[in-house]
Protein backbone atom coordinates (compact mmCIF):
# COMPACT_ATOMS: atom_id res chain seq x y z
CA MET A 1 37.75 39.52 50.09
CA ILE A 2 36.85 43.11 51.55
CA ASP A 3 40.43 44.03 52.98
CA ARG A 4 41.12 46.62 50.43
CA ARG A 5 37.72 48.74 51.06
CA LEU A 6 38.02 48.08 54.80
CA ARG A 7 41.63 49.43 55.01
CA ILE A 8 40.50 52.72 53.97
CA ALA A 9 37.57 52.87 56.43
CA LYS A 10 39.94 51.32 59.25
CA ASP A 11 42.60 54.10 58.56
CA LEU A 12 39.83 56.79 58.98
CA VAL A 13 38.67 55.28 62.29
CA VAL A 14 42.22 54.83 63.78
CA GLU A 15 43.69 58.12 62.40
CA PRO A 16 42.70 60.17 65.51
CA LEU A 17 44.02 57.61 67.92
CA ALA A 18 47.34 57.23 65.72
CA ALA A 19 47.58 61.04 65.78
CA ARG A 20 47.64 61.02 69.43
CA MET A 21 49.95 58.12 69.82
CA ALA A 22 52.44 58.94 67.12
CA GLY A 23 54.69 60.91 69.44
CA ARG A 24 54.49 58.47 72.31
CA VAL A 25 54.50 54.84 71.03
CA PRO A 26 57.01 53.73 68.48
CA PRO A 27 55.19 51.79 65.73
CA MET A 28 57.65 48.76 66.32
CA VAL A 29 56.08 48.37 69.95
CA LEU A 30 52.76 48.07 68.54
CA THR A 31 53.96 45.23 66.27
CA LEU A 32 55.36 43.70 69.11
CA LEU A 33 52.21 43.82 71.08
CA ALA A 34 50.19 42.59 68.12
CA PHE A 35 52.62 39.75 67.92
CA LEU A 36 52.53 39.03 71.68
CA ALA A 37 48.62 39.20 71.81
CA GLY A 38 48.30 36.84 68.76
CA VAL A 39 50.58 34.26 70.59
CA GLY A 40 48.76 35.01 73.88
CA GLY A 41 45.45 34.38 72.51
CA GLY A 42 46.70 30.86 71.43
CA VAL A 43 47.99 30.34 74.86
CA ALA A 44 44.94 31.41 76.58
CA ALA A 45 43.02 29.13 74.25
CA GLY A 46 45.15 26.38 75.26
CA PHE A 47 44.21 26.81 78.90
CA GLY A 48 40.66 26.81 78.03
CA LEU A 49 40.24 30.45 78.85
CA ARG A 50 37.86 31.42 76.24
CA GLY A 51 36.73 35.10 77.18
CA ILE A 52 40.43 36.04 77.87
CA ALA A 53 41.70 34.27 74.64
CA VAL A 54 39.08 36.40 72.47
CA ALA A 55 39.80 39.58 74.30
CA VAL A 56 43.54 39.15 73.72
CA TRP A 57 43.07 38.12 70.10
CA LEU A 58 41.00 41.18 69.41
CA ALA A 59 43.39 43.62 71.20
CA GLY A 60 46.17 42.31 69.03
CA ARG A 61 44.20 42.94 65.90
CA VAL A 62 43.74 46.56 67.18
CA PHE A 63 47.39 46.91 67.74
CA ASP A 64 47.99 45.36 64.14
CA GLY A 65 45.79 47.99 62.73
CA LEU A 66 47.53 50.81 64.51
CA ASP A 67 51.18 50.20 63.85
CA GLY A 68 51.23 51.26 60.31
CA ALA A 69 49.04 54.22 60.78
CA VAL A 70 51.31 55.36 63.63
CA ALA A 71 54.49 54.58 61.40
CA ARG A 72 52.89 56.87 58.74
CA ARG A 73 52.14 59.54 61.18
CA ARG A 74 55.78 59.42 62.37
CA GLY A 75 57.16 59.26 58.89
CA ARG A 76 58.75 55.89 59.87
CA GLN A 77 57.28 53.55 57.45
CA SER A 78 59.88 50.74 56.69
CA ASP A 79 60.32 47.57 54.68
CA LEU A 80 61.48 46.10 58.12
CA GLY A 81 58.41 47.21 60.02
CA GLY A 82 56.29 45.70 57.29
CA TYR A 83 58.22 42.43 57.22
CA LEU A 84 57.98 41.91 61.14
CA ASP A 85 54.39 42.75 61.02
CA MET A 86 53.51 39.91 58.60
CA LEU A 87 55.87 37.57 60.30
CA GLY A 88 54.20 38.25 63.59
CA ASP A 89 50.55 37.79 62.21
CA THR A 90 51.83 34.58 60.70
CA ILE A 91 52.95 33.05 63.86
CA GLY A 92 49.78 34.19 65.56
CA TYR A 93 47.67 32.55 62.86
CA ALA A 94 49.40 29.18 63.71
CA ALA A 95 49.35 29.73 67.44
CA VAL A 96 45.39 29.95 67.70
CA PRO A 97 44.50 26.87 66.01
CA ILE A 98 47.18 24.93 67.82
CA GLY A 99 45.95 26.42 71.23
CA ILE A 100 42.32 25.55 70.36
CA SER A 101 43.32 22.08 69.58
CA VAL A 102 45.24 21.50 72.72
CA SER A 103 42.27 22.84 74.76
CA GLN A 104 39.99 20.34 73.09
CA ASP A 105 42.37 17.23 73.07
CA ASP A 106 40.41 15.67 70.46
CA PRO A 107 42.00 13.79 67.53
CA ASN A 108 39.65 15.10 65.11
CA THR A 109 40.14 18.64 66.06
CA TRP A 110 43.95 18.14 65.77
CA ILE A 111 43.54 16.59 62.22
CA ALA A 112 41.23 19.56 61.28
CA GLY A 113 43.60 21.90 62.69
CA ALA A 114 46.54 20.30 60.76
CA VAL A 115 44.43 20.53 57.55
CA LEU A 116 43.89 24.27 58.18
CA LEU A 117 47.50 24.96 58.83
CA ALA A 118 48.53 23.11 55.51
CA MET A 119 45.98 25.32 53.75
CA PHE A 120 47.51 28.32 55.32
CA TYR A 121 51.11 27.04 54.37
CA VAL A 122 50.08 26.70 50.69
CA ASN A 123 48.14 29.91 50.83
CA THR A 124 51.12 31.83 52.15
CA MET A 125 53.11 30.71 49.20
CA SER A 126 50.44 31.39 46.76
CA TRP A 127 49.96 35.14 47.57
CA THR A 128 53.58 36.02 48.60
CA PHE A 129 54.98 34.66 45.38
CA LEU A 130 52.22 36.63 43.40
CA ALA A 131 53.36 39.81 45.28
CA ALA A 132 56.86 39.06 44.34
CA ILE A 133 56.19 38.82 40.90
CA ALA A 134 53.84 42.05 41.02
CA GLU A 135 56.85 43.97 42.28
CA LYS A 136 59.30 42.56 39.56
CA ARG A 137 56.66 43.72 36.89
CA GLY A 138 56.21 47.09 38.44
CA SER A 139 52.73 46.72 39.61
CA GLY A 140 53.43 46.22 43.32
CA ALA A 141 51.88 48.10 46.25
CA ILE A 142 53.18 51.68 45.28
CA GLU A 143 52.07 51.46 41.70
CA GLN A 144 48.66 50.20 42.83
CA ASP A 145 48.45 52.86 45.67
CA GLU A 146 48.02 50.34 48.52
CA ARG A 147 49.04 51.35 51.93
CA THR A 148 50.69 48.01 52.67
CA THR A 149 54.58 47.19 52.37
CA ILE A 150 53.88 44.79 49.42
CA HIS A 151 50.84 44.14 47.03
CA MET A 152 48.27 41.84 48.55
CA PRO A 153 46.47 39.92 45.99
CA ALA A 154 42.75 39.57 46.39
CA GLY A 155 41.01 36.38 47.64
CA LEU A 156 37.91 35.10 49.25
CA ILE A 157 39.80 34.61 52.58
CA GLU A 158 41.99 37.74 53.75
CA GLY A 159 42.62 39.48 57.06
CA ALA A 160 39.13 40.59 57.82
CA GLU A 161 37.57 37.11 57.41
CA THR A 162 40.37 35.59 59.21
CA ILE A 163 39.51 37.78 62.26
CA VAL A 164 35.99 36.94 62.41
CA LEU A 165 36.57 33.06 61.74
CA PHE A 166 39.33 33.07 64.32
CA THR A 167 37.26 35.09 66.95
CA LEU A 168 34.42 32.33 66.42
CA MET A 169 36.81 29.48 67.03
CA LEU A 170 38.21 31.02 70.15
CA ALA A 171 34.69 31.79 71.39
CA PHE A 172 33.07 28.49 70.42
CA PRO A 173 36.07 25.86 70.79
CA GLY A 174 33.82 23.03 71.03
CA ARG A 175 32.84 23.70 67.37
CA ALA A 176 36.31 24.00 66.36
CA THR A 177 36.63 20.87 64.38
CA GLY A 178 33.99 22.11 62.02
CA LEU A 179 35.20 25.65 61.79
CA PHE A 180 38.71 24.58 61.21
CA LEU A 181 37.60 22.36 58.21
CA ALA A 182 35.03 25.08 56.87
CA MET A 183 37.89 27.71 56.83
CA ALA A 184 40.32 25.29 55.32
CA VAL A 185 38.02 24.84 52.38
CA LEU A 186 37.52 28.59 52.04
CA VAL A 187 41.39 29.04 52.03
CA ALA A 188 41.52 26.45 49.36
CA VAL A 189 39.07 28.24 47.32
CA THR A 190 41.24 31.44 47.68
CA ILE A 191 44.21 29.42 46.48
CA GLY A 192 42.30 28.30 43.55
CA GLN A 193 41.41 31.86 42.69
CA ARG A 194 44.95 32.83 42.56
CA VAL A 195 45.90 29.95 40.56
CA VAL A 196 43.25 30.78 38.03
CA TRP A 197 44.47 34.35 38.11
CA ALA A 198 47.93 33.45 37.58
CA ALA A 199 47.16 30.99 34.60
CA ARG A 200 45.25 33.82 33.02
CA ASN A 201 47.75 36.68 33.63
CA LEU A 202 51.20 35.24 33.78
CA SER A 203 51.51 33.09 30.77
C-alpha cells in the first residue's frame, strides 16, 4: 500500500551505506544473504528461538533493501539480479509461516498457515501477470519510473506491510493463528483490488 512512497525514503536512507559497500560487496552477495536470512528466520522460528528469528528476519530485510541500491551504485543492475531477489523473497515468505507452524504444533495454526500460503500463491499470480501485461503494453517499470526490475501493481498488502506482519508473527508465535488468518484476509482484499482494476482497465 505504501511501498512506492517508502521506496524513495528507503533509498535516501541506505544510499550512504550503499555508497560505502559498492566497491566491496557484490550485490548478488547481498541478495544471497537476504535469501538465507529469510529462510533462517523461518528455521529459527521452527526451533522456538523467537528473538533470533526476529533479528535474522529483519537483517534479511536490510540486505534485501541494500542489494538493489548497491547494484545501481556499481552500475550492475540486471534482470537476473531482480529475478533472483524476487525468488529469494518468495521462498522466505513461505519459510516463515511454516517455521512458526512447526514451533506451535497446533492443527489450527497449520490450517491457518495453509490458508495464508494459498492466498500468497494466488496473490503472486495476480500481480506478476499484471506486471507482464504492463510490460507488454509499454507501461512497465521503466515507463512508470520505478526502481524495480518489473512494475509492482499497488495493493493493500505489499512489502512493507508483510515485513510488519511477519515480524509480529515471529515475535508472538502464540498468536500466529489469528495473525495468519488476518493477513490472509488482507491479502484476499489485495487480490480483489487487482481483479477490479483488471476488469476496469484490461477489457
